[in-house]
Amino acid sequence: MMVSHLADRTPPANLRSLMPVLQGTCFVLIETARFAVTSLLIVLGLPLALFLFVAGWDLAGLFTQLANLSDRYLEAGAMRRSLFSQDLKGCFLVLTGAITLLRMPRFLRRLAADLDNHPAREENRD
């Protein structure tokens, strides 16, 4: 008696048929990671640029401002340190969200254009 299953009737998927999907997935993941890292670097660099601007683009002035900020932080009580820390975290999250939202449309347009013009979309000659 012969028993046939649906799995026996379908041809096995070979690696060549999965390659475009894998390539597209890897491309999207790499580009998304690159977008996230550059957005975080922009956000982390903004306070440095702000402090340099306030110090008049002078490194001695920058370190004077940072010393003043650190002295005041160390002299503050535990409650004020905690509030300052929460404010700093909130500003970081808001700034990260704003930078990401400003950069997102260009990133999506570039990603869609790169996926449409991908060289691996040739006809299979097998």
N, C-alpha and C. Protein backbone atom coordinates (compact mmCIF):
# COMPACT_ATOMS: atom_id res chain seq x y z
N MET A 1 0.85 -1.17 0.00
CA MET A 1 0.00 0.00 0.00
C MET A 1 0.90 1.24 0.00
N MET A 2 0.61 2.16 -0.89
CA MET A 2 1.41 3.37 -1.06
C MET A 2 0.70 4.56 -0.43
N VAL A 3 1.41 5.22 0.48
CA VAL A 3 0.85 6.42 1.13
C VAL A 3 1.61 7.62 0.60
N SER A 4 0.87 8.59 0.12
CA SER A 4 1.49 9.79 -0.42
C SER A 4 1.17 10.97 0.50
N HIS A 5 2.14 11.77 0.76
CA HIS A 5 1.95 12.96 1.59
C HIS A 5 2.15 14.19 0.73
N LEU A 6 1.59 15.29 1.19
CA LEU A 6 1.74 16.54 0.47
C LEU A 6 3.20 16.96 0.43
N ALA A 7 3.92 16.66 1.48
CA ALA A 7 5.34 17.02 1.52
C ALA A 7 6.12 16.27 0.45
N ASP A 8 5.67 15.08 0.08
CA ASP A 8 6.36 14.31 -0.96
C ASP A 8 6.10 14.90 -2.34
N ARG A 9 4.99 15.59 -2.52
CA ARG A 9 4.63 16.13 -3.82
C ARG A 9 5.28 17.47 -4.11
N THR A 10 5.64 18.23 -3.10
CA THR A 10 6.23 19.54 -3.34
C THR A 10 7.74 19.40 -3.47
N PRO A 11 8.32 20.06 -4.44
CA PRO A 11 9.77 19.97 -4.60
C PRO A 11 10.46 20.70 -3.43
N PRO A 12 11.59 20.21 -2.99
CA PRO A 12 12.30 20.87 -1.90
C PRO A 12 12.85 22.23 -2.33
N ALA A 13 12.77 23.18 -1.42
CA ALA A 13 13.30 24.51 -1.72
C ALA A 13 14.82 24.45 -1.71
N ASN A 14 15.41 24.94 -2.75
CA ASN A 14 16.86 24.95 -2.80
C ASN A 14 17.39 26.30 -2.35
N LEU A 15 18.67 26.35 -2.16
CA LEU A 15 19.28 27.57 -1.62
C LEU A 15 19.20 28.73 -2.61
N ARG A 16 19.19 28.44 -3.87
CA ARG A 16 19.12 29.51 -4.87
C ARG A 16 17.79 30.25 -4.82
N SER A 17 16.72 29.55 -4.50
CA SER A 17 15.44 30.24 -4.43
C SER A 17 15.32 31.08 -3.17
N LEU A 18 16.05 30.72 -2.12
CA LEU A 18 16.01 31.49 -0.89
C LEU A 18 17.03 32.62 -0.87
N MET A 19 17.99 32.61 -1.76
CA MET A 19 19.07 33.60 -1.74
C MET A 19 18.58 35.04 -1.87
N PRO A 20 17.66 35.38 -2.77
CA PRO A 20 17.22 36.78 -2.84
C PRO A 20 16.55 37.26 -1.55
N VAL A 21 15.80 36.37 -0.91
CA VAL A 21 15.14 36.74 0.35
C VAL A 21 16.18 36.97 1.44
N LEU A 22 17.16 36.07 1.51
CA LEU A 22 18.22 36.22 2.51
C LEU A 22 19.06 37.47 2.26
N GLN A 23 19.36 37.74 1.00
CA GLN A 23 20.15 38.93 0.67
C GLN A 23 19.38 40.20 1.01
N GLY A 24 18.10 40.23 0.69
CA GLY A 24 17.29 41.40 1.00
C GLY A 24 17.15 41.62 2.50
N THR A 25 16.98 40.54 3.24
CA THR A 25 16.85 40.64 4.69
C THR A 25 18.15 41.15 5.31
N CYS A 26 19.27 40.60 4.88
CA CYS A 26 20.55 41.05 5.41
C CYS A 26 20.81 42.52 5.06
N PHE A 27 20.46 42.91 3.85
CA PHE A 27 20.66 44.30 3.43
C PHE A 27 19.83 45.24 4.30
N VAL A 28 18.57 44.90 4.54
CA VAL A 28 17.70 45.75 5.35
C VAL A 28 18.22 45.82 6.79
N LEU A 29 18.65 44.70 7.34
CA LEU A 29 19.17 44.71 8.72
C LEU A 29 20.45 45.54 8.84
N ILE A 30 21.34 45.42 7.88
CA ILE A 30 22.58 46.21 7.92
C ILE A 30 22.29 47.70 7.79
N GLU A 31 21.42 48.06 6.85
CA GLU A 31 21.09 49.47 6.67
C GLU A 31 20.36 50.05 7.87
N THR A 32 19.49 49.26 8.50
CA THR A 32 18.78 49.72 9.69
C THR A 32 19.73 49.91 10.86
N ALA A 33 20.67 49.00 11.02
CA ALA A 33 21.67 49.14 12.09
C ALA A 33 22.54 50.37 11.85
N ARG A 34 22.90 50.59 10.59
CA ARG A 34 23.70 51.77 10.26
C ARG A 34 22.93 53.06 10.56
N PHE A 35 21.65 53.08 10.24
CA PHE A 35 20.80 54.24 10.51
C PHE A 35 20.70 54.49 12.02
N ALA A 36 20.50 53.43 12.80
CA ALA A 36 20.37 53.58 14.25
C ALA A 36 21.67 54.07 14.88
N VAL A 37 22.79 53.52 14.45
CA VAL A 37 24.08 53.91 15.03
C VAL A 37 24.40 55.36 14.69
N THR A 38 24.19 55.76 13.44
CA THR A 38 24.49 57.14 13.09
C THR A 38 23.55 58.11 13.80
N SER A 39 22.31 57.73 14.01
CA SER A 39 21.39 58.59 14.76
C SER A 39 21.85 58.77 16.20
N LEU A 40 22.29 57.68 16.83
CA LEU A 40 22.79 57.78 18.21
C LEU A 40 24.08 58.60 18.28
N LEU A 41 24.95 58.45 17.31
CA LEU A 41 26.18 59.25 17.31
C LEU A 41 25.88 60.73 17.13
N ILE A 42 24.88 61.05 16.33
CA ILE A 42 24.47 62.45 16.17
C ILE A 42 23.98 62.99 17.50
N VAL A 43 23.12 62.23 18.17
CA VAL A 43 22.56 62.67 19.46
C VAL A 43 23.65 62.81 20.51
N LEU A 44 24.59 61.90 20.54
CA LEU A 44 25.67 61.98 21.53
C LEU A 44 26.66 63.10 21.21
N GLY A 45 26.77 63.49 19.96
CA GLY A 45 27.68 64.57 19.60
C GLY A 45 27.09 65.95 19.79
N LEU A 46 25.78 66.06 19.86
CA LEU A 46 25.15 67.37 20.03
C LEU A 46 25.52 68.06 21.34
N PRO A 47 25.56 67.37 22.49
CA PRO A 47 25.98 68.08 23.71
C PRO A 47 27.42 68.59 23.62
N LEU A 48 28.31 67.83 23.00
CA LEU A 48 29.68 68.30 22.83
C LEU A 48 29.71 69.57 21.99
N ALA A 49 28.96 69.58 20.90
CA ALA A 49 28.90 70.77 20.06
C ALA A 49 28.31 71.95 20.82
N LEU A 50 27.29 71.69 21.63
CA LEU A 50 26.67 72.76 22.43
C LEU A 50 27.67 73.33 23.44
N PHE A 51 28.37 72.45 24.16
CA PHE A 51 29.35 72.93 25.14
C PHE A 51 30.49 73.67 24.46
N LEU A 52 30.93 73.19 23.30
CA LEU A 52 31.97 73.92 22.58
C LEU A 52 31.48 75.28 22.11
N PHE A 53 30.24 75.36 21.68
CA PHE A 53 29.66 76.63 21.25
C PHE A 53 29.58 77.61 22.42
N VAL A 54 29.11 77.12 23.59
CA VAL A 54 29.01 77.97 24.77
C VAL A 54 30.40 78.43 25.21
N ALA A 55 31.40 77.58 25.07
CA ALA A 55 32.76 77.92 25.48
C ALA A 55 33.50 78.75 24.44
N GLY A 56 32.84 79.09 23.35
CA GLY A 56 33.48 79.89 22.32
C GLY A 56 34.49 79.11 21.49
N TRP A 57 34.27 77.82 21.31
CA TRP A 57 35.12 76.92 20.53
C TRP A 57 36.53 76.85 21.10
N ASP A 58 36.65 77.05 22.41
CA ASP A 58 37.93 77.00 23.11
C ASP A 58 37.91 75.80 24.05
N LEU A 59 38.91 74.92 23.93
CA LEU A 59 38.93 73.72 24.77
C LEU A 59 39.12 74.05 26.25
N ALA A 60 39.90 75.08 26.55
CA ALA A 60 40.06 75.47 27.96
C ALA A 60 38.72 75.91 28.54
N GLY A 61 37.96 76.66 27.77
CA GLY A 61 36.63 77.07 28.22
C GLY A 61 35.68 75.88 28.35
N LEU A 62 35.82 74.93 27.45
CA LEU A 62 34.98 73.73 27.51
C LEU A 62 35.24 72.97 28.80
N PHE A 63 36.51 72.76 29.13
CA PHE A 63 36.81 72.01 30.35
C PHE A 63 36.47 72.81 31.60
N THR A 64 36.50 74.13 31.51
CA THR A 64 36.06 74.95 32.64
C THR A 64 34.56 74.76 32.87
N GLN A 65 33.79 74.77 31.80
CA GLN A 65 32.34 74.55 31.91
C GLN A 65 32.04 73.15 32.46
N LEU A 66 32.76 72.16 31.97
CA LEU A 66 32.55 70.79 32.46
C LEU A 66 32.95 70.64 33.92
N ALA A 67 34.03 71.31 34.34
CA ALA A 67 34.43 71.27 35.75
C ALA A 67 33.37 71.93 36.62
N ASN A 68 32.82 73.05 36.16
CA ASN A 68 31.76 73.73 36.90
C ASN A 68 30.54 72.83 37.04
N LEU A 69 30.16 72.18 35.94
CA LEU A 69 29.00 71.28 35.97
C LEU A 69 29.24 70.09 36.90
N SER A 70 30.43 69.51 36.84
CA SER A 70 30.70 68.35 37.70
C SER A 70 30.79 68.76 39.18
N ASP A 71 31.36 69.93 39.47
CA ASP A 71 31.40 70.40 40.86
C ASP A 71 30.00 70.60 41.42
N ARG A 72 29.15 71.22 40.64
CA ARG A 72 27.77 71.45 41.10
C ARG A 72 27.01 70.13 41.26
N TYR A 73 27.29 69.17 40.38
CA TYR A 73 26.63 67.87 40.49
C TYR A 73 27.06 67.14 41.77
N LEU A 74 28.35 67.19 42.07
CA LEU A 74 28.85 66.51 43.26
C LEU A 74 28.38 67.18 44.55
N GLU A 75 28.17 68.49 44.54
CA GLU A 75 27.71 69.21 45.73
C GLU A 75 26.21 69.05 45.97
N ALA A 76 25.47 68.64 44.95
CA ALA A 76 24.01 68.53 45.07
C ALA A 76 23.65 67.33 45.93
N GLY A 77 22.43 67.40 46.48
CA GLY A 77 21.93 66.29 47.28
C GLY A 77 21.47 65.13 46.41
N ALA A 78 21.13 64.04 47.05
CA ALA A 78 20.74 62.82 46.33
C ALA A 78 19.47 63.04 45.51
N MET A 79 18.51 63.78 46.08
CA MET A 79 17.25 64.01 45.36
C MET A 79 17.48 64.86 44.11
N ARG A 80 18.30 65.89 44.22
CA ARG A 80 18.57 66.75 43.07
C ARG A 80 19.38 66.01 42.00
N ARG A 81 20.29 65.14 42.44
CA ARG A 81 21.03 64.32 41.47
C ARG A 81 20.09 63.40 40.71
N SER A 82 19.17 62.80 41.43
CA SER A 82 18.21 61.89 40.81
C SER A 82 17.33 62.65 39.81
N LEU A 83 16.86 63.83 40.19
CA LEU A 83 16.03 64.63 39.27
C LEU A 83 16.82 65.06 38.04
N PHE A 84 18.08 65.45 38.25
CA PHE A 84 18.93 65.83 37.12
C PHE A 84 19.15 64.64 36.20
N SER A 85 19.38 63.48 36.78
CA SER A 85 19.58 62.27 35.98
C SER A 85 18.34 61.93 35.16
N GLN A 86 17.17 62.05 35.77
CA GLN A 86 15.93 61.78 35.05
C GLN A 86 15.71 62.80 33.93
N ASP A 87 16.01 64.08 34.21
CA ASP A 87 15.89 65.10 33.16
C ASP A 87 16.84 64.82 32.01
N LEU A 88 18.05 64.40 32.33
CA LEU A 88 19.03 64.10 31.30
C LEU A 88 18.58 62.91 30.44
N LYS A 89 18.03 61.89 31.08
CA LYS A 89 17.52 60.73 30.33
C LYS A 89 16.35 61.12 29.44
N GLY A 90 15.47 61.95 29.98
CA GLY A 90 14.31 62.41 29.20
C GLY A 90 14.75 63.23 27.99
N CYS A 91 15.71 64.12 28.18
CA CYS A 91 16.21 64.92 27.06
C CYS A 91 16.87 64.03 26.01
N PHE A 92 17.61 63.03 26.46
CA PHE A 92 18.26 62.11 25.52
C PHE A 92 17.22 61.37 24.70
N LEU A 93 16.17 60.87 25.35
CA LEU A 93 15.14 60.13 24.61
C LEU A 93 14.37 61.02 23.65
N VAL A 94 14.03 62.23 24.07
CA VAL A 94 13.30 63.16 23.20
C VAL A 94 14.17 63.55 22.01
N LEU A 95 15.43 63.85 22.27
CA LEU A 95 16.33 64.23 21.19
C LEU A 95 16.57 63.07 20.22
N THR A 96 16.71 61.88 20.76
CA THR A 96 16.88 60.70 19.90
C THR A 96 15.64 60.49 19.02
N GLY A 97 14.47 60.61 19.60
CA GLY A 97 13.23 60.47 18.83
C GLY A 97 13.10 61.54 17.77
N ALA A 98 13.45 62.78 18.10
CA ALA A 98 13.34 63.87 17.13
C ALA A 98 14.31 63.67 15.98
N ILE A 99 15.55 63.32 16.28
CA ILE A 99 16.54 63.09 15.22
C ILE A 99 16.12 61.92 14.34
N THR A 100 15.61 60.87 14.95
CA THR A 100 15.18 59.69 14.19
C THR A 100 13.99 60.05 13.29
N LEU A 101 13.03 60.79 13.82
CA LEU A 101 11.87 61.18 12.99
C LEU A 101 12.27 62.11 11.86
N LEU A 102 13.23 62.98 12.09
CA LEU A 102 13.68 63.88 11.02
C LEU A 102 14.43 63.12 9.92
N ARG A 103 15.17 62.10 10.29
CA ARG A 103 15.97 61.35 9.32
C ARG A 103 15.21 60.20 8.67
N MET A 104 14.10 59.77 9.26
CA MET A 104 13.39 58.57 8.80
C MET A 104 12.88 58.65 7.36
N PRO A 105 12.22 59.74 6.91
CA PRO A 105 11.73 59.73 5.51
C PRO A 105 12.82 59.56 4.48
N ARG A 106 13.96 60.22 4.66
CA ARG A 106 15.05 60.08 3.71
C ARG A 106 15.60 58.66 3.73
N PHE A 107 15.72 58.09 4.93
CA PHE A 107 16.21 56.71 5.05
C PHE A 107 15.28 55.73 4.33
N LEU A 108 13.99 55.88 4.51
CA LEU A 108 13.04 54.96 3.87
C LEU A 108 13.04 55.11 2.35
N ARG A 109 13.14 56.36 1.86
CA ARG A 109 13.22 56.56 0.41
C ARG A 109 14.47 55.92 -0.17
N ARG A 110 15.61 56.11 0.52
CA ARG A 110 16.86 55.53 0.04
C ARG A 110 16.84 54.01 0.08
N LEU A 111 16.25 53.46 1.15
CA LEU A 111 16.17 52.01 1.28
C LEU A 111 15.27 51.41 0.19
N ALA A 112 14.13 52.05 -0.07
CA ALA A 112 13.23 51.56 -1.12
C ALA A 112 13.90 51.65 -2.49
N ALA A 113 14.63 52.73 -2.75
CA ALA A 113 15.32 52.86 -4.04
C ALA A 113 16.42 51.82 -4.17
N ASP A 114 17.15 51.58 -3.10
CA ASP A 114 18.22 50.57 -3.16
C ASP A 114 17.67 49.16 -3.34
N LEU A 115 16.53 48.88 -2.73
CA LEU A 115 15.93 47.55 -2.90
C LEU A 115 15.36 47.37 -4.30
N ASP A 116 14.85 48.43 -4.91
CA ASP A 116 14.32 48.32 -6.28
C ASP A 116 15.43 48.16 -7.30
N ASN A 117 16.59 48.73 -7.05
CA ASN A 117 17.70 48.68 -8.00
C ASN A 117 18.73 47.61 -7.64
N HIS A 118 18.33 46.62 -6.90
CA HIS A 118 19.27 45.60 -6.43
C HIS A 118 19.73 44.75 -7.61
N PRO A 119 21.05 44.53 -7.79
CA PRO A 119 21.55 43.77 -8.94
C PRO A 119 21.21 42.29 -8.91
N ALA A 120 20.78 41.76 -7.78
CA ALA A 120 20.47 40.33 -7.70
C ALA A 120 19.10 40.01 -8.26
N ARG A 121 18.41 41.00 -8.80
CA ARG A 121 17.06 40.76 -9.32
C ARG A 121 17.09 40.38 -10.80
N GLU A 122 18.12 39.72 -11.22
CA GLU A 122 18.20 39.23 -12.60
C GLU A 122 17.35 37.98 -12.74
N GLU A 123 17.02 37.67 -13.96
CA GLU A 123 16.27 36.47 -14.23
C GLU A 123 17.14 35.25 -13.97
N ASN A 124 16.56 34.24 -13.38
CA ASN A 124 17.27 32.99 -13.12
C ASN A 124 17.42 32.25 -14.45
N ARG A 125 18.64 31.87 -14.81
CA ARG A 125 18.88 31.23 -16.12
C ARG A 125 18.93 29.73 -16.03
N ASP A 126 18.57 29.17 -14.91
CA ASP A 126 18.59 27.70 -14.76
C ASP A 126 17.36 27.07 -15.34
